[in-house]
């Protein structure tokens, strides 16, 4: 059974920003990035527990998992499994301090 994948607004914005950034110097790499993220999301839909759980202090952040985009290992997908849905919260570069994206005041 495949889960439904939903990209939240921040994840969509992250994805678009990464594609735009990569495309500035390497348009063909940007296309490969798009394909890699789409493939990663397909894998998550089939195997939602593949990502590693992340620990946050705030209860509202419970259940967030992280998984690396296989062909672009510097990019991380943060998601939560709810019922039969994969809720993609963020798609971030590994160099970014991901904890700042999950603060209470967001």
PDB file of N, CA and C in Angstrom:
ATOM      1  N   UNK A   1       0.830  -1.181   0.000  1.00  0.00           N
ATOM      2  CA  UNK A   1       0.000   0.000   0.000  1.00  0.00           C
ATOM      3  C   UNK A   1       0.876   1.247   0.000  1.00  0.00           C
ATOM      4  N   UNK A   2       0.621   2.147  -0.910  1.00  0.00           N
ATOM      5  CA  UNK A   2       1.355   3.406  -0.962  1.00  0.00           C
ATOM      6  C   UNK A   2       0.622   4.479  -0.171  1.00  0.00           C
ATOM      7  N   UNK A   3       1.380   5.267   0.532  1.00  0.00           N
ATOM      8  CA  UNK A   3       0.843   6.401   1.258  1.00  0.00           C
ATOM      9  C   UNK A   3       0.733   7.583   0.294  1.00  0.00           C
ATOM     10  N   UNK A   4      -0.157   8.481   0.594  1.00  0.00           N
ATOM     11  CA  UNK A   4      -0.305   9.719  -0.178  1.00  0.00           C
ATOM     12  C   UNK A   4       0.747  10.700   0.323  1.00  0.00           C
ATOM     13  N   UNK A   5       1.434  11.384  -0.580  1.00  0.00           N
ATOM     14  CA  UNK A   5       2.468  12.347  -0.220  1.00  0.00           C
ATOM     15  C   UNK A   5       1.920  13.752  -0.421  1.00  0.00           C
ATOM     16  N   UNK A   6       2.043  14.576   0.634  1.00  0.00           N
ATOM     17  CA  UNK A   6       1.588  15.962   0.583  1.00  0.00           C
ATOM     18  C   UNK A   6       2.763  16.860   0.951  1.00  0.00           C
ATOM     19  N   UNK A   7       3.122  17.773   0.053  1.00  0.00           N
ATOM     20  CA  UNK A   7       4.151  18.760   0.355  1.00  0.00           C
ATOM     21  C   UNK A   7       3.494  19.973   0.980  1.00  0.00           C
ATOM     22  N   UNK A   8       3.887  20.277   2.198  1.00  0.00           N
ATOM     23  CA  UNK A   8       3.388  21.476   2.860  1.00  0.00           C
ATOM     24  C   UNK A   8       4.013  22.704   2.185  1.00  0.00           C
ATOM     25  N   UNK A   9       3.450  23.857   2.441  1.00  0.00           N
ATOM     26  CA  UNK A   9       3.889  25.104   1.786  1.00  0.00           C
ATOM     27  C   UNK A   9       5.389  25.330   1.919  1.00  0.00           C
ATOM     28  N   UNK A  10       5.941  25.164   3.132  1.00  0.00           N
ATOM     29  CA  UNK A  10       7.378  25.388   3.333  1.00  0.00           C
ATOM     30  C   UNK A  10       8.213  24.405   2.516  1.00  0.00           C
ATOM     31  N   UNK A  11       7.774  23.170   2.410  1.00  0.00           N
ATOM     32  CA  UNK A  11       8.504  22.172   1.628  1.00  0.00           C
ATOM     33  C   UNK A  11       8.490  22.543   0.146  1.00  0.00           C
ATOM     34  N   UNK A  12       7.353  23.009  -0.343  1.00  0.00           N
ATOM     35  CA  UNK A  12       7.273  23.450  -1.738  1.00  0.00           C
ATOM     36  C   UNK A  12       8.209  24.629  -1.989  1.00  0.00           C
ATOM     37  N   UNK A  13       8.221  25.571  -1.052  1.00  0.00           N
ATOM     38  CA  UNK A  13       9.101  26.732  -1.187  1.00  0.00           C
ATOM     39  C   UNK A  13      10.570  26.314  -1.145  1.00  0.00           C
ATOM     40  N   UNK A  14      10.906  25.405  -0.233  1.00  0.00           N
ATOM     41  CA  UNK A  14      12.279  24.893  -0.154  1.00  0.00           C
ATOM     42  C   UNK A  14      12.681  24.250  -1.474  1.00  0.00           C
ATOM     43  N   UNK A  15      11.830  23.384  -1.979  1.00  0.00           N
ATOM     44  CA  UNK A  15      12.103  22.655  -3.214  1.00  0.00           C
ATOM     45  C   UNK A  15      12.359  23.621  -4.366  1.00  0.00           C
ATOM     46  N   UNK A  16      11.479  24.591  -4.529  1.00  0.00           N
ATOM     47  CA  UNK A  16      11.623  25.578  -5.604  1.00  0.00           C
ATOM     48  C   UNK A  16      12.917  26.371  -5.451  1.00  0.00           C
ATOM     49  N   UNK A  17      13.240  26.772  -4.241  1.00  0.00           N
ATOM     50  CA  UNK A  17      14.470  27.539  -3.997  1.00  0.00           C
ATOM     51  C   UNK A  17      15.713  26.718  -4.346  1.00  0.00           C
ATOM     52  N   UNK A  18      15.712  25.435  -3.988  1.00  0.00           N
ATOM     53  CA  UNK A  18      16.864  24.579  -4.310  1.00  0.00           C
ATOM     54  C   UNK A  18      17.004  24.393  -5.813  1.00  0.00           C
ATOM     55  N   UNK A  19      15.891  24.164  -6.486  1.00  0.00           N
ATOM     56  CA  UNK A  19      15.931  24.000  -7.949  1.00  0.00           C
ATOM     57  C   UNK A  19      16.470  25.266  -8.594  1.00  0.00           C
ATOM     58  N   UNK A  20      15.965  26.416  -8.175  1.00  0.00           N
ATOM     59  CA  UNK A  20      16.433  27.696  -8.739  1.00  0.00           C
ATOM     60  C   UNK A  20      17.923  27.900  -8.488  1.00  0.00           C
ATOM     61  N   UNK A  21      18.379  27.599  -7.289  1.00  0.00           N
ATOM     62  CA  UNK A  21      19.788  27.774  -6.937  1.00  0.00           C
ATOM     63  C   UNK A  21      20.680  26.868  -7.794  1.00  0.00           C
ATOM     64  N   UNK A  22      20.314  25.617  -7.899  1.00  0.00           N
ATOM     65  CA  UNK A  22      21.115  24.674  -8.680  1.00  0.00           C
ATOM     66  C   UNK A  22      21.105  25.056 -10.156  1.00  0.00           C
ATOM     67  N   UNK A  23      19.967  25.499 -10.663  1.00  0.00           N
ATOM     68  CA  UNK A  23      19.819  25.833 -12.086  1.00  0.00           C
ATOM     69  C   UNK A  23      20.658  27.026 -12.515  1.00  0.00           C
ATOM     70  N   UNK A  24      20.999  27.896 -11.591  1.00  0.00           N
ATOM     71  CA  UNK A  24      21.817  29.066 -11.945  1.00  0.00           C
ATOM     72  C   UNK A  24      23.140  28.660 -12.571  1.00  0.00           C
ATOM     73  N   UNK A  25      23.747  27.624 -12.036  1.00  0.00           N
ATOM     74  CA  UNK A  25      25.060  27.184 -12.518  1.00  0.00           C
ATOM     75  C   UNK A  25      24.988  25.931 -13.380  1.00  0.00           C
ATOM     76  N   UNK A  26      24.016  25.057 -13.078  1.00  0.00           N
ATOM     77  CA  UNK A  26      23.964  23.754 -13.744  1.00  0.00           C
ATOM     78  C   UNK A  26      22.515  23.344 -14.013  1.00  0.00           C
ATOM     79  N   UNK A  27      21.932  23.843 -15.085  1.00  0.00           N
ATOM     80  CA  UNK A  27      20.530  23.536 -15.382  1.00  0.00           C
ATOM     81  C   UNK A  27      20.227  22.036 -15.459  1.00  0.00           C
ATOM     82  N   UNK A  28      21.149  21.258 -16.023  1.00  0.00           N
ATOM     83  CA  UNK A  28      20.902  19.821 -16.127  1.00  0.00           C
ATOM     84  C   UNK A  28      20.912  19.148 -14.753  1.00  0.00           C
ATOM     85  N   UNK A  29      21.708  19.675 -13.836  1.00  0.00           N
ATOM     86  CA  UNK A  29      21.719  19.146 -12.466  1.00  0.00           C
ATOM     87  C   UNK A  29      20.409  19.478 -11.755  1.00  0.00           C
ATOM     88  N   UNK A  30      19.840  20.626 -12.074  1.00  0.00           N
ATOM     89  CA  UNK A  30      18.551  21.004 -11.476  1.00  0.00           C
ATOM     90  C   UNK A  30      17.462  20.025 -11.910  1.00  0.00           C
ATOM     91  N   UNK A  31      17.491  19.625 -13.168  1.00  0.00           N
ATOM     92  CA  UNK A  31      16.520  18.641 -13.646  1.00  0.00           C
ATOM     93  C   UNK A  31      16.731  17.292 -12.964  1.00  0.00           C
ATOM     94  N   UNK A  32      17.993  16.921 -12.773  1.00  0.00           N
ATOM     95  CA  UNK A  32      18.301  15.664 -12.075  1.00  0.00           C
ATOM     96  C   UNK A  32      17.843  15.743 -10.621  1.00  0.00           C
ATOM     97  N   UNK A  33      17.967  16.920 -10.010  1.00  0.00           N
ATOM     98  CA  UNK A  33      17.506  17.107  -8.636  1.00  0.00           C
ATOM     99  C   UNK A  33      15.991  16.920  -8.542  1.00  0.00           C
ATOM    100  N   UNK A  34      15.273  17.492  -9.476  1.00  0.00           N
ATOM    101  CA  UNK A  34      13.810  17.336  -9.498  1.00  0.00           C
ATOM    102  C   UNK A  34      13.451  15.854  -9.564  1.00  0.00           C
ATOM    103  N   UNK A  35      14.093  15.133 -10.481  1.00  0.00           N
ATOM    104  CA  UNK A  35      13.827  13.695 -10.607  1.00  0.00           C
ATOM    105  C   UNK A  35      14.177  12.948  -9.330  1.00  0.00           C
ATOM    106  N   UNK A  36      15.306  13.297  -8.717  1.00  0.00           N
ATOM    107  CA  UNK A  36      15.754  12.607  -7.501  1.00  0.00           C
ATOM    108  C   UNK A  36      14.774  12.816  -6.351  1.00  0.00           C
ATOM    109  N   UNK A  37      14.279  14.031  -6.193  1.00  0.00           N
ATOM    110  CA  UNK A  37      13.309  14.299  -5.120  1.00  0.00           C
ATOM    111  C   UNK A  37      12.008  13.555  -5.399  1.00  0.00           C
ATOM    112  N   UNK A  38      11.556  13.570  -6.641  1.00  0.00           N
ATOM    113  CA  UNK A  38      10.333  12.835  -6.985  1.00  0.00           C
ATOM    114  C   UNK A  38      10.496  11.344  -6.703  1.00  0.00           C
ATOM    115  N   UNK A  39      11.651  10.777  -7.046  1.00  0.00           N
ATOM    116  CA  UNK A  39      11.907   9.360  -6.766  1.00  0.00           C
ATOM    117  C   UNK A  39      11.952   9.101  -5.262  1.00  0.00           C
ATOM    118  N   UNK A  40      12.590  10.012  -4.523  1.00  0.00           N
ATOM    119  CA  UNK A  40      12.665   9.858  -3.066  1.00  0.00           C
ATOM    120  C   UNK A  40      11.271   9.877  -2.446  1.00  0.00           C
ATOM    121  N   UNK A  41      10.411  10.751  -2.924  1.00  0.00           N
ATOM    122  CA  UNK A  41       9.054  10.826  -2.395  1.00  0.00           C
ATOM    123  C   UNK A  41       8.251   9.580  -2.742  1.00  0.00           C
ATOM    124  N   UNK A  42       8.512   9.007  -3.902  1.00  0.00           N
ATOM    125  CA  UNK A  42       7.855   7.749  -4.276  1.00  0.00           C
ATOM    126  C   UNK A  42       8.294   6.624  -3.347  1.00  0.00           C
ATOM    127  N   UNK A  43       9.580   6.591  -3.033  1.00  0.00           N
ATOM    128  CA  UNK A  43      10.090   5.576  -2.097  1.00  0.00           C
ATOM    129  C   UNK A  43       9.463   5.769  -0.721  1.00  0.00           C
ATOM    130  N   UNK A  44       9.386   7.021  -0.265  1.00  0.00           N
ATOM    131  CA  UNK A  44       8.756   7.294   1.033  1.00  0.00           C
ATOM    132  C   UNK A  44       7.295   6.849   1.055  1.00  0.00           C
ATOM    133  N   UNK A  45       6.601   7.041  -0.056  1.00  0.00           N
ATOM    134  CA  UNK A  45       5.197   6.637  -0.118  1.00  0.00           C
ATOM    135  C   UNK A  45       5.051   5.130   0.072  1.00  0.00           C
ATOM    136  N   UNK A  46       6.026   4.375  -0.397  1.00  0.00           N
ATOM    137  CA  UNK A  46       5.986   2.916  -0.260  1.00  0.00           C
ATOM    138  C   UNK A  46       6.592   2.421   1.045  1.00  0.00           C
ATOM    139  N   UNK A  47       7.546   3.182   1.584  1.00  0.00           N
ATOM    140  CA  UNK A  47       8.254   2.765   2.802  1.00  0.00           C
ATOM    141  C   UNK A  47       8.390   3.950   3.757  1.00  0.00           C
ATOM    142  N   UNK A  48       7.296   4.382   4.363  1.00  0.00           N
ATOM    143  CA  UNK A  48       7.303   5.614   5.165  1.00  0.00           C
ATOM    144  C   UNK A  48       8.201   5.583   6.399  1.00  0.00           C
ATOM    145  N   UNK A  49       8.564   4.426   6.875  1.00  0.00           N
ATOM    146  CA  UNK A  49       9.405   4.347   8.067  1.00  0.00           C
ATOM    147  C   UNK A  49      10.894   4.340   7.732  1.00  0.00           C
ATOM    148  N   UNK A  50      11.252   4.567   6.472  1.00  0.00           N
ATOM    149  CA  UNK A  50      12.643   4.488   6.041  1.00  0.00           C
ATOM    150  C   UNK A  50      13.511   5.580   6.677  1.00  0.00           C
ATOM    151  N   UNK A  51      12.940   6.725   6.940  1.00  0.00           N
ATOM    152  CA  UNK A  51      13.702   7.828   7.517  1.00  0.00           C
ATOM    153  C   UNK A  51      13.952   7.639   8.998  1.00  0.00           C
ATOM    154  N   UNK A  52      14.979   8.319   9.493  1.00  0.00           N
ATOM    155  CA  UNK A  52      15.294   8.207  10.921  1.00  0.00           C
ATOM    156  C   UNK A  52      14.512   9.251  11.724  1.00  0.00           C
ATOM    157  N   UNK A  53      14.013   8.844  12.888  1.00  0.00           N
ATOM    158  CA  UNK A  53      13.277   9.800  13.734  1.00  0.00           C
ATOM    159  C   UNK A  53      14.190  10.910  14.226  1.00  0.00           C
ATOM    160  N   UNK A  54      13.658  12.096  14.330  1.00  0.00           N
ATOM    161  CA  UNK A  54      14.380  13.253  14.872  1.00  0.00           C
ATOM    162  C   UNK A  54      13.789  13.561  16.238  1.00  0.00           C
ATOM    163  N   UNK A  55      14.626  13.956  17.147  1.00  0.00           N
ATOM    164  CA  UNK A  55      14.153  14.285  18.497  1.00  0.00           C
ATOM    165  C   UNK A  55      14.086  15.802  18.660  1.00  0.00           C
ATOM    166  N   UNK A  56      12.912  16.278  19.013  1.00  0.00           N
ATOM    167  CA  UNK A  56      12.701  17.693  19.297  1.00  0.00           C
ATOM    168  C   UNK A  56      12.109  17.800  20.694  1.00  0.00           C
ATOM    169  N   UNK A  57      12.353  18.899  21.350  1.00  0.00           N
ATOM    170  CA  UNK A  57      11.819  19.100  22.704  1.00  0.00           C
ATOM    171  C   UNK A  57      10.326  19.384  22.706  1.00  0.00           C
ATOM    172  N   UNK A  58       9.864  20.064  21.699  1.00  0.00           N
ATOM    173  CA  UNK A  58       8.462  20.480  21.671  1.00  0.00           C
ATOM    174  C   UNK A  58       7.560  19.322  21.238  1.00  0.00           C
ATOM    175  N   UNK A  59       6.507  19.063  21.990  1.00  0.00           N
ATOM    176  CA  UNK A  59       5.596  17.953  21.663  1.00  0.00           C
ATOM    177  C   UNK A  59       4.967  18.064  20.278  1.00  0.00           C
ATOM    178  N   UNK A  60       4.724  19.285  19.800  1.00  0.00           N
ATOM    179  CA  UNK A  60       4.087  19.446  18.491  1.00  0.00           C
ATOM    180  C   UNK A  60       4.982  18.969  17.346  1.00  0.00           C
ATOM    181  N   UNK A  61       6.264  18.751  17.651  1.00  0.00           N
ATOM    182  CA  UNK A  61       7.198  18.280  16.629  1.00  0.00           C
ATOM    183  C   UNK A  61       7.436  16.770  16.712  1.00  0.00           C
ATOM    184  N   UNK A  62       6.686  16.103  17.547  1.00  0.00           N
ATOM    185  CA  UNK A  62       6.831  14.652  17.698  1.00  0.00           C
ATOM    186  C   UNK A  62       6.528  13.946  16.381  1.00  0.00           C
ATOM    187  N   UNK A  63       7.266  12.902  16.111  1.00  0.00           N
ATOM    188  CA  UNK A  63       7.011  12.080  14.940  1.00  0.00           C
ATOM    189  C   UNK A  63       7.692  12.528  13.669  1.00  0.00           C
ATOM    190  N   UNK A  64       8.483  13.598  13.724  1.00  0.00           N
ATOM    191  CA  UNK A  64       9.175  14.049  12.516  1.00  0.00           C
ATOM    192  C   UNK A  64      10.338  13.104  12.224  1.00  0.00           C
ATOM    193  N   UNK A  65      10.435  12.728  10.966  1.00  0.00           N
ATOM    194  CA  UNK A  65      11.497  11.849  10.502  1.00  0.00           C
ATOM    195  C   UNK A  65      12.307  12.575   9.435  1.00  0.00           C
ATOM    196  N   UNK A  66      13.531  12.110   9.198  1.00  0.00           N
ATOM    197  CA  UNK A  66      14.403  12.720   8.197  1.00  0.00           C
ATOM    198  C   UNK A  66      14.947  11.634   7.290  1.00  0.00           C
ATOM    199  N   UNK A  67      14.989  11.940   5.994  1.00  0.00           N
ATOM    200  CA  UNK A  67      15.571  11.001   5.052  1.00  0.00           C
ATOM    201  C   UNK A  67      16.365  11.776   4.015  1.00  0.00           C
ATOM    202  N   UNK A  68      17.487  11.226   3.616  1.00  0.00           N
ATOM    203  CA  UNK A  68      18.379  11.845   2.635  1.00  0.00           C
ATOM    204  C   UNK A  68      17.856  11.550   1.226  1.00  0.00           C
ATOM    205  N   UNK A  69      17.911  12.553   0.356  1.00  0.00           N
ATOM    206  CA  UNK A  69      17.572  12.336  -1.051  1.00  0.00           C
ATOM    207  C   UNK A  69      18.703  11.472  -1.631  1.00  0.00           C
ATOM    208  N   UNK A  70      18.418  10.239  -2.051  1.00  0.00           N
ATOM    209  CA  UNK A  70      19.490   9.301  -2.412  1.00  0.00           C
ATOM    210  C   UNK A  70      20.530   9.814  -3.412  1.00  0.00           C
ATOM    211  N   UNK A  71      20.134  10.423  -4.506  1.00  0.00           N
ATOM    212  CA  UNK A  71      21.132  10.872  -5.491  1.00  0.00           C
ATOM    213  C   UNK A  71      21.721  12.243  -5.175  1.00  0.00           C
ATOM    214  N   UNK A  72      21.159  12.938  -4.203  1.00  0.00           N
ATOM    215  CA  UNK A  72      21.638  14.257  -3.789  1.00  0.00           C
ATOM    216  C   UNK A  72      21.728  14.235  -2.264  1.00  0.00           C
ATOM    217  N   UNK A  73      22.759  13.586  -1.752  1.00  0.00           N
ATOM    218  CA  UNK A  73      22.822  13.285  -0.329  1.00  0.00           C
ATOM    219  C   UNK A  73      23.048  14.489   0.570  1.00  0.00           C
ATOM    220  N   UNK A  74      23.220  15.658  -0.011  1.00  0.00           N
ATOM    221  CA  UNK A  74      23.304  16.882   0.803  1.00  0.00           C
ATOM    222  C   UNK A  74      21.917  17.485   1.046  1.00  0.00           C
ATOM    223  N   UNK A  75      20.875  16.839   0.551  1.00  0.00           N
ATOM    224  CA  UNK A  75      19.523  17.344   0.725  1.00  0.00           C
ATOM    225  C   UNK A  75      18.711  16.379   1.579  1.00  0.00           C
ATOM    226  N   UNK A  76      17.965  16.951   2.512  1.00  0.00           N
ATOM    227  CA  UNK A  76      17.236  16.177   3.508  1.00  0.00           C
ATOM    228  C   UNK A  76      15.745  16.463   3.414  1.00  0.00           C
ATOM    229  N   UNK A  77      14.966  15.413   3.506  1.00  0.00           N
ATOM    230  CA  UNK A  77      13.507  15.535   3.515  1.00  0.00           C
ATOM    231  C   UNK A  77      13.036  15.304   4.947  1.00  0.00           C
ATOM    232  N   UNK A  78      12.337  16.272   5.497  1.00  0.00           N
ATOM    233  CA  UNK A  78      11.749  16.151   6.832  1.00  0.00           C
ATOM    234  C   UNK A  78      10.254  15.930   6.652  1.00  0.00           C
ATOM    235  N   UNK A  79       9.757  14.889   7.295  1.00  0.00           N
ATOM    236  CA  UNK A  79       8.362  14.521   7.080  1.00  0.00           C
ATOM    237  C   UNK A  79       7.777  13.877   8.328  1.00  0.00           C
ATOM    238  N   UNK A  80       6.476  13.747   8.297  1.00  0.00           N
ATOM    239  CA  UNK A  80       5.732  13.093   9.377  1.00  0.00           C
ATOM    240  C   UNK A  80       4.708  12.168   8.723  1.00  0.00           C
ATOM    241  N   UNK A  81       4.539  10.999   9.311  1.00  0.00           N
ATOM    242  CA  UNK A  81       3.541  10.046   8.832  1.00  0.00           C
ATOM    243  C   UNK A  81       2.286  10.236   9.670  1.00  0.00           C
ATOM    244  N   UNK A  82       1.172  10.526   9.009  1.00  0.00           N
ATOM    245  CA  UNK A  82      -0.110  10.677   9.693  1.00  0.00           C
ATOM    246  C   UNK A  82      -1.150   9.879   8.937  1.00  0.00           C
ATOM    247  N   UNK A  83      -1.678   8.873   9.624  1.00  0.00           N
ATOM    248  CA  UNK A  83      -2.641   7.961   9.010  1.00  0.00           C
ATOM    249  C   UNK A  83      -1.999   7.345   7.767  1.00  0.00           C
ATOM    250  N   UNK A  84      -2.541   7.601   6.598  1.00  0.00           N
ATOM    251  CA  UNK A  84      -1.996   7.055   5.353  1.00  0.00           C
ATOM    252  C   UNK A  84      -1.390   8.158   4.486  1.00  0.00           C
ATOM    253  N   UNK A  85      -0.868   9.199   5.149  1.00  0.00           N
ATOM    254  CA  UNK A  85      -0.311  10.354   4.452  1.00  0.00           C
ATOM    255  C   UNK A  85       1.113  10.623   4.920  1.00  0.00           C
ATOM    256  N   UNK A  86       1.978  10.943   3.969  1.00  0.00           N
ATOM    257  CA  UNK A  86       3.320  11.441   4.259  1.00  0.00           C
ATOM    258  C   UNK A  86       3.226  12.958   4.151  1.00  0.00           C
ATOM    259  N   UNK A  87       3.380  13.636   5.268  1.00  0.00           N
ATOM    260  CA  UNK A  87       3.318  15.090   5.315  1.00  0.00           C
ATOM    261  C   UNK A  87       4.754  15.610   5.238  1.00  0.00           C
ATOM    262  N   UNK A  88       5.164  16.099   4.057  1.00  0.00           N
ATOM    263  CA  UNK A  88       6.517  16.611   3.873  1.00  0.00           C
ATOM    264  C   UNK A  88       6.540  18.045   4.394  1.00  0.00           C
ATOM    265  N   UNK A  89       7.357  18.253   5.427  1.00  0.00           N
ATOM    266  CA  UNK A  89       7.395  19.548   6.103  1.00  0.00           C
ATOM    267  C   UNK A  89       8.451  20.478   5.528  1.00  0.00           C
ATOM    268  N   UNK A  90       9.635  19.934   5.255  1.00  0.00           N
ATOM    269  CA  UNK A  90      10.730  20.749   4.733  1.00  0.00           C
ATOM    270  C   UNK A  90      11.609  19.888   3.842  1.00  0.00           C
ATOM    271  N   UNK A  91      12.291  20.517   2.902  1.00  0.00           N
ATOM    272  CA  UNK A  91      13.355  19.900   2.113  1.00  0.00           C
ATOM    273  C   UNK A  91      14.528  20.857   2.241  1.00  0.00           C
ATOM    274  N   UNK A  92      15.544  20.453   2.995  1.00  0.00           N
ATOM    275  CA  UNK A  92      16.622  21.362   3.365  1.00  0.00           C
ATOM    276  C   UNK A  92      17.982  20.833   2.929  1.00  0.00           C
ATOM    277  N   UNK A  93      18.915  21.750   2.748  1.00  0.00           N
ATOM    278  CA  UNK A  93      20.303  21.373   2.485  1.00  0.00           C
ATOM    279  C   UNK A  93      20.940  20.985   3.807  1.00  0.00           C
ATOM    280  N   UNK A  94      21.796  19.991   3.784  1.00  0.00           N
ATOM    281  CA  UNK A  94      22.409  19.470   5.006  1.00  0.00           C
ATOM    282  C   UNK A  94      23.259  20.511   5.733  1.00  0.00           C
ATOM    283  N   UNK A  95      23.737  21.521   5.027  1.00  0.00           N
ATOM    284  CA  UNK A  95      24.547  22.559   5.666  1.00  0.00           C
ATOM    285  C   UNK A  95      23.699  23.526   6.496  1.00  0.00           C
ATOM    286  N   UNK A  96      22.407  23.500   6.292  1.00  0.00           N
ATOM    287  CA  UNK A  96      21.519  24.385   7.044  1.00  0.00           C
ATOM    288  C   UNK A  96      21.270  23.818   8.437  1.00  0.00           C
ATOM    289  N   UNK A  97      21.131  24.704   9.402  1.00  0.00           N
ATOM    290  CA  UNK A  97      20.779  24.296  10.758  1.00  0.00           C
ATOM    291  C   UNK A  97      19.285  23.996  10.763  1.00  0.00           C
ATOM    292  N   UNK A  98      18.939  22.733  10.595  1.00  0.00           N
ATOM    293  CA  UNK A  98      17.528  22.386  10.435  1.00  0.00           C
ATOM    294  C   UNK A  98      16.691  22.704  11.665  1.00  0.00           C
ATOM    295  N   UNK A  99      17.309  22.747  12.839  1.00  0.00           N
ATOM    296  CA  UNK A  99      16.518  23.009  14.047  1.00  0.00           C
ATOM    297  C   UNK A  99      15.878  24.390  14.012  1.00  0.00           C
ATOM    298  N   UNK A 100      16.500  25.342  13.351  1.00  0.00           N
ATOM    299  CA  UNK A 100      15.929  26.694  13.312  1.00  0.00           C
ATOM    300  C   UNK A 100      14.642  26.745  12.487  1.00  0.00           C
ATOM    301  N   UNK A 101      14.436  25.761  11.638  1.00  0.00           N
ATOM    302  CA  UNK A 101      13.236  25.730  10.804  1.00  0.00           C
ATOM    303  C   UNK A 101      12.047  25.123  11.540  1.00  0.00           C
ATOM    304  N   UNK A 102      12.298  24.586  12.717  1.00  0.00           N
ATOM    305  CA  UNK A 102      11.233  23.937  13.475  1.00  0.00           C
ATOM    306  C   UNK A 102      11.009  24.592  14.826  1.00  0.00           C
ATOM    307  N   UNK A 103      11.290  25.880  14.907  1.00  0.00           N
ATOM    308  CA  UNK A 103      11.072  26.603  16.161  1.00  0.00           C
ATOM    309  C   UNK A 103       9.598  26.922  16.352  1.00  0.00           C
ATOM    310  N   UNK A 104       9.228  27.094  17.581  1.00  0.00           N
ATOM    311  CA  UNK A 104       7.825  27.349  17.960  1.00  0.00           C
ATOM    312  C   UNK A 104       7.254  28.591  17.285  1.00  0.00           C
ATOM    313  N   UNK A 105       8.080  29.612  17.079  1.00  0.00           N
ATOM    314  CA  UNK A 105       7.567  30.881  16.569  1.00  0.00           C
ATOM    315  C   UNK A 105       7.420  30.893  15.060  1.00  0.00           C
ATOM    316  N   UNK A 106       7.630  29.786  14.388  1.00  0.00           N
ATOM    317  CA  UNK A 106       7.530  29.739  12.929  1.00  0.00           C
ATOM    318  C   UNK A 106       6.114  30.012  12.469  1.00  0.00           C
TER     319      UNK A 106
END
